[in-house]
């Protein structure tokens, strides 16, 4: 897998998590534990993408 395709895959996972977070947060009684896990994973993906972009430059 090329570096660019890896970054694209991370972007897709990041966008998917964004949607899942929005859905969970819109529920009448959102699961705070699950929201925290998803937000941490989203942040980890964002940091990984930034690291890879720096590496690609």
PDB file of N, CA and C in Angstrom:
ATOM      1  N   UNK A   1       0.854  -1.176   0.000  1.00  0.00           N
ATOM      2  CA  UNK A   1       0.000   0.000   0.000  1.00  0.00           C
ATOM      3  C   UNK A   1       0.893   1.230   0.000  1.00  0.00           C
ATOM      4  N   UNK A   2       0.617   2.133  -0.934  1.00  0.00           N
ATOM      5  CA  UNK A   2       1.415   3.348  -1.003  1.00  0.00           C
ATOM      6  C   UNK A   2       1.059   4.276   0.159  1.00  0.00           C
ATOM      7  N   UNK A   3       1.931   5.204   0.402  1.00  0.00           N
ATOM      8  CA  UNK A   3       1.726   6.156   1.498  1.00  0.00           C
ATOM      9  C   UNK A   3       0.437   6.944   1.282  1.00  0.00           C
ATOM     10  N   UNK A   4       0.212   7.395   0.044  1.00  0.00           N
ATOM     11  CA  UNK A   4      -0.986   8.184  -0.251  1.00  0.00           C
ATOM     12  C   UNK A   4      -2.260   7.359  -0.058  1.00  0.00           C
ATOM     13  N   UNK A   5      -2.250   6.113  -0.484  1.00  0.00           N
ATOM     14  CA  UNK A   5      -3.447   5.288  -0.316  1.00  0.00           C
ATOM     15  C   UNK A   5      -3.686   4.976   1.163  1.00  0.00           C
ATOM     16  N   UNK A   6      -2.620   4.866   1.927  1.00  0.00           N
ATOM     17  CA  UNK A   6      -2.759   4.650   3.375  1.00  0.00           C
ATOM     18  C   UNK A   6      -3.404   5.877   4.024  1.00  0.00           C
ATOM     19  N   UNK A   7      -2.966   7.057   3.625  1.00  0.00           N
ATOM     20  CA  UNK A   7      -3.549   8.299   4.145  1.00  0.00           C
ATOM     21  C   UNK A   7      -5.030   8.378   3.769  1.00  0.00           C
ATOM     22  N   UNK A   8      -5.366   8.007   2.538  1.00  0.00           N
ATOM     23  CA  UNK A   8      -6.757   8.025   2.093  1.00  0.00           C
ATOM     24  C   UNK A   8      -7.612   7.057   2.917  1.00  0.00           C
ATOM     25  N   UNK A   9      -7.086   5.882   3.216  1.00  0.00           N
ATOM     26  CA  UNK A   9      -7.806   4.912   4.038  1.00  0.00           C
ATOM     27  C   UNK A   9      -8.044   5.470   5.441  1.00  0.00           C
ATOM     28  N   UNK A  10      -7.037   6.151   5.991  1.00  0.00           N
ATOM     29  CA  UNK A  10      -7.193   6.776   7.309  1.00  0.00           C
ATOM     30  C   UNK A  10      -8.252   7.873   7.272  1.00  0.00           C
ATOM     31  N   UNK A  11      -8.278   8.645   6.173  1.00  0.00           N
ATOM     32  CA  UNK A  11      -9.284   9.699   6.018  1.00  0.00           C
ATOM     33  C   UNK A  11     -10.691   9.116   6.018  1.00  0.00           C
ATOM     34  N   UNK A  12     -10.855   7.990   5.336  1.00  0.00           N
ATOM     35  CA  UNK A  12     -12.164   7.342   5.277  1.00  0.00           C
ATOM     36  C   UNK A  12     -12.597   6.856   6.659  1.00  0.00           C
ATOM     37  N   UNK A  13     -11.673   6.263   7.396  1.00  0.00           N
ATOM     38  CA  UNK A  13     -11.985   5.810   8.763  1.00  0.00           C
ATOM     39  C   UNK A  13     -12.328   7.005   9.650  1.00  0.00           C
ATOM     40  N   UNK A  14     -11.594   8.114   9.481  1.00  0.00           N
ATOM     41  CA  UNK A  14     -11.823   9.331  10.250  1.00  0.00           C
ATOM     42  C   UNK A  14     -13.230   9.866   9.963  1.00  0.00           C
ATOM     43  N   UNK A  15     -13.615   9.916   8.686  1.00  0.00           N
ATOM     44  CA  UNK A  15     -14.944  10.404   8.302  1.00  0.00           C
ATOM     45  C   UNK A  15     -16.041   9.479   8.839  1.00  0.00           C
ATOM     46  N   UNK A  16     -15.796   8.173   8.797  1.00  0.00           N
ATOM     47  CA  UNK A  16     -16.752   7.207   9.314  1.00  0.00           C
ATOM     48  C   UNK A  16     -16.961   7.408  10.817  1.00  0.00           C
ATOM     49  N   UNK A  17     -15.875   7.618  11.530  1.00  0.00           N
ATOM     50  CA  UNK A  17     -15.978   7.867  12.972  1.00  0.00           C
ATOM     51  C   UNK A  17     -16.730   9.161  13.248  1.00  0.00           C
ATOM     52  N   UNK A  18     -16.509  10.175  12.440  1.00  0.00           N
ATOM     53  CA  UNK A  18     -17.214  11.443  12.603  1.00  0.00           C
ATOM     54  C   UNK A  18     -18.716  11.216  12.516  1.00  0.00           C
ATOM     55  N   UNK A  19     -19.140  10.411  11.546  1.00  0.00           N
ATOM     56  CA  UNK A  19     -20.557  10.096  11.383  1.00  0.00           C
ATOM     57  C   UNK A  19     -21.086   9.318  12.588  1.00  0.00           C
ATOM     58  N   UNK A  20     -20.334   8.312  13.026  1.00  0.00           N
ATOM     59  CA  UNK A  20     -20.758   7.508  14.172  1.00  0.00           C
ATOM     60  C   UNK A  20     -20.860   8.351  15.436  1.00  0.00           C
ATOM     61  N   UNK A  21     -19.922   9.280  15.612  1.00  0.00           N
ATOM     62  CA  UNK A  21     -19.945  10.174  16.776  1.00  0.00           C
ATOM     63  C   UNK A  21     -21.192  11.050  16.720  1.00  0.00           C
ATOM     64  N   UNK A  22     -21.494  11.584  15.555  1.00  0.00           N
ATOM     65  CA  UNK A  22     -22.670  12.432  15.407  1.00  0.00           C
ATOM     66  C   UNK A  22     -23.950  11.652  15.721  1.00  0.00           C
ATOM     67  N   UNK A  23     -24.048  10.437  15.199  1.00  0.00           N
ATOM     68  CA  UNK A  23     -25.223   9.604  15.441  1.00  0.00           C
ATOM     69  C   UNK A  23     -25.366   9.308  16.937  1.00  0.00           C
ATOM     70  N   UNK A  24     -24.281   8.904  17.559  1.00  0.00           N
ATOM     71  CA  UNK A  24     -24.328   8.574  18.994  1.00  0.00           C
ATOM     72  C   UNK A  24     -24.681   9.806  19.824  1.00  0.00           C
ATOM     73  N   UNK A  25     -24.090  10.943  19.466  1.00  0.00           N
ATOM     74  CA  UNK A  25     -24.312  12.172  20.221  1.00  0.00           C
ATOM     75  C   UNK A  25     -25.739  12.688  20.050  1.00  0.00           C
ATOM     76  N   UNK A  26     -26.403  12.297  18.972  1.00  0.00           N
ATOM     77  CA  UNK A  26     -27.774  12.740  18.699  1.00  0.00           C
ATOM     78  C   UNK A  26     -28.818  11.905  19.430  1.00  0.00           C
ATOM     79  N   UNK A  27     -28.410  10.777  19.965  1.00  0.00           N
ATOM     80  CA  UNK A  27     -29.354   9.917  20.691  1.00  0.00           C
ATOM     81  C   UNK A  27     -29.826  10.626  21.962  1.00  0.00           C
ATOM     82  N   UNK A  28     -31.011  10.282  22.423  1.00  0.00           N
ATOM     83  CA  UNK A  28     -31.515  10.912  23.660  1.00  0.00           C
ATOM     84  C   UNK A  28     -30.592  10.690  24.864  1.00  0.00           C
ATOM     85  N   UNK A  29     -30.007   9.498  24.962  1.00  0.00           N
ATOM     86  CA  UNK A  29     -29.081   9.216  26.069  1.00  0.00           C
ATOM     87  C   UNK A  29     -27.819   8.595  25.494  1.00  0.00           C
ATOM     88  N   UNK A  30     -26.911   9.422  24.970  1.00  0.00           N
ATOM     89  CA  UNK A  30     -25.690   8.887  24.357  1.00  0.00           C
ATOM     90  C   UNK A  30     -24.810   8.156  25.371  1.00  0.00           C
ATOM     91  N   UNK A  31     -24.097   7.170  24.873  1.00  0.00           N
ATOM     92  CA  UNK A  31     -23.157   6.399  25.692  1.00  0.00           C
ATOM     93  C   UNK A  31     -21.848   7.188  25.767  1.00  0.00           C
ATOM     94  N   UNK A  32     -21.631   7.835  26.906  1.00  0.00           N
ATOM     95  CA  UNK A  32     -20.450   8.691  27.063  1.00  0.00           C
ATOM     96  C   UNK A  32     -19.150   7.917  26.923  1.00  0.00           C
ATOM     97  N   UNK A  33     -19.126   6.693  27.423  1.00  0.00           N
ATOM     98  CA  UNK A  33     -17.918   5.874  27.295  1.00  0.00           C
ATOM     99  C   UNK A  33     -17.596   5.572  25.847  1.00  0.00           C
ATOM    100  N   UNK A  34     -18.619   5.199  25.080  1.00  0.00           N
ATOM    101  CA  UNK A  34     -18.421   4.905  23.667  1.00  0.00           C
ATOM    102  C   UNK A  34     -18.017   6.167  22.902  1.00  0.00           C
ATOM    103  N   UNK A  35     -18.644   7.289  23.231  1.00  0.00           N
ATOM    104  CA  UNK A  35     -18.282   8.556  22.588  1.00  0.00           C
ATOM    105  C   UNK A  35     -16.817   8.895  22.841  1.00  0.00           C
ATOM    106  N   UNK A  36     -16.374   8.722  24.064  1.00  0.00           N
ATOM    107  CA  UNK A  36     -14.980   9.019  24.405  1.00  0.00           C
ATOM    108  C   UNK A  36     -14.021   8.147  23.604  1.00  0.00           C
ATOM    109  N   UNK A  37     -14.336   6.854  23.502  1.00  0.00           N
ATOM    110  CA  UNK A  37     -13.481   5.940  22.743  1.00  0.00           C
ATOM    111  C   UNK A  37     -13.410   6.345  21.280  1.00  0.00           C
ATOM    112  N   UNK A  38     -14.571   6.680  20.711  1.00  0.00           N
ATOM    113  CA  UNK A  38     -14.593   7.058  19.292  1.00  0.00           C
ATOM    114  C   UNK A  38     -13.842   8.364  19.060  1.00  0.00           C
ATOM    115  N   UNK A  39     -13.981   9.307  19.976  1.00  0.00           N
ATOM    116  CA  UNK A  39     -13.284  10.587  19.831  1.00  0.00           C
ATOM    117  C   UNK A  39     -11.771  10.405  19.954  1.00  0.00           C
ATOM    118  N   UNK A  40     -11.346   9.550  20.867  1.00  0.00           N
ATOM    119  CA  UNK A  40      -9.913   9.273  21.001  1.00  0.00           C
ATOM    120  C   UNK A  40      -9.365   8.600  19.747  1.00  0.00           C
ATOM    121  N   UNK A  41     -10.113   7.663  19.200  1.00  0.00           N
ATOM    122  CA  UNK A  41      -9.689   6.984  17.976  1.00  0.00           C
ATOM    123  C   UNK A  41      -9.629   7.977  16.817  1.00  0.00           C
ATOM    124  N   UNK A  42     -10.596   8.858  16.737  1.00  0.00           N
ATOM    125  CA  UNK A  42     -10.611   9.881  15.687  1.00  0.00           C
ATOM    126  C   UNK A  42      -9.380  10.784  15.804  1.00  0.00           C
ATOM    127  N   UNK A  43      -9.043  11.180  17.014  1.00  0.00           N
ATOM    128  CA  UNK A  43      -7.862  12.006  17.243  1.00  0.00           C
ATOM    129  C   UNK A  43      -6.586  11.245  16.865  1.00  0.00           C
ATOM    130  N   UNK A  44      -6.520   9.960  17.228  1.00  0.00           N
ATOM    131  CA  UNK A  44      -5.364   9.144  16.885  1.00  0.00           C
ATOM    132  C   UNK A  44      -5.199   9.066  15.369  1.00  0.00           C
ATOM    133  N   UNK A  45      -6.298   8.914  14.655  1.00  0.00           N
ATOM    134  CA  UNK A  45      -6.242   8.856  13.192  1.00  0.00           C
ATOM    135  C   UNK A  45      -5.764  10.186  12.615  1.00  0.00           C
ATOM    136  N   UNK A  46      -6.261  11.279  13.170  1.00  0.00           N
ATOM    137  CA  UNK A  46      -5.849  12.604  12.703  1.00  0.00           C
ATOM    138  C   UNK A  46      -4.346  12.814  12.903  1.00  0.00           C
ATOM    139  N   UNK A  47      -3.853  12.411  14.061  1.00  0.00           N
ATOM    140  CA  UNK A  47      -2.422  12.544  14.341  1.00  0.00           C
ATOM    141  C   UNK A  47      -1.590  11.651  13.417  1.00  0.00           C
ATOM    142  N   UNK A  48      -2.082  10.459  13.139  1.00  0.00           N
ATOM    143  CA  UNK A  48      -1.383   9.538  12.237  1.00  0.00           C
ATOM    144  C   UNK A  48      -1.336  10.124  10.821  1.00  0.00           C
ATOM    145  N   UNK A  49      -2.437  10.705  10.373  1.00  0.00           N
ATOM    146  CA  UNK A  49      -2.448  11.320   9.042  1.00  0.00           C
ATOM    147  C   UNK A  49      -1.451  12.474   8.973  1.00  0.00           C
ATOM    148  N   UNK A  50      -1.410  13.293  10.009  1.00  0.00           N
ATOM    149  CA  UNK A  50      -0.472  14.419  10.049  1.00  0.00           C
ATOM    150  C   UNK A  50       0.965  13.910  10.026  1.00  0.00           C
ATOM    151  N   UNK A  51       1.242  12.858  10.769  1.00  0.00           N
ATOM    152  CA  UNK A  51       2.585  12.292  10.795  1.00  0.00           C
ATOM    153  C   UNK A  51       2.981  11.767   9.421  1.00  0.00           C
ATOM    154  N   UNK A  52       2.060  11.090   8.762  1.00  0.00           N
ATOM    155  CA  UNK A  52       2.359  10.534   7.446  1.00  0.00           C
ATOM    156  C   UNK A  52       2.527  11.639   6.398  1.00  0.00           C
ATOM    157  N   UNK A  53       1.722  12.691   6.512  1.00  0.00           N
ATOM    158  CA  UNK A  53       1.867  13.801   5.564  1.00  0.00           C
ATOM    159  C   UNK A  53       3.236  14.467   5.719  1.00  0.00           C
ATOM    160  N   UNK A  54       3.683  14.605   6.960  1.00  0.00           N
ATOM    161  CA  UNK A  54       4.996  15.180   7.223  1.00  0.00           C
ATOM    162  C   UNK A  54       6.088  14.289   6.636  1.00  0.00           C
ATOM    163  N   UNK A  55       5.914  12.996   6.802  1.00  0.00           N
ATOM    164  CA  UNK A  55       6.871  12.029   6.272  1.00  0.00           C
ATOM    165  C   UNK A  55       6.924  12.071   4.749  1.00  0.00           C
ATOM    166  N   UNK A  56       5.760  12.310   4.122  1.00  0.00           N
ATOM    167  CA  UNK A  56       5.676  12.341   2.659  1.00  0.00           C
ATOM    168  C   UNK A  56       6.322  13.591   2.071  1.00  0.00           C
ATOM    169  N   UNK A  57       6.417  14.642   2.857  1.00  0.00           N
ATOM    170  CA  UNK A  57       6.974  15.911   2.354  1.00  0.00           C
ATOM    171  C   UNK A  57       8.455  15.878   2.202  1.00  0.00           C
TER     172      UNK A  57
END
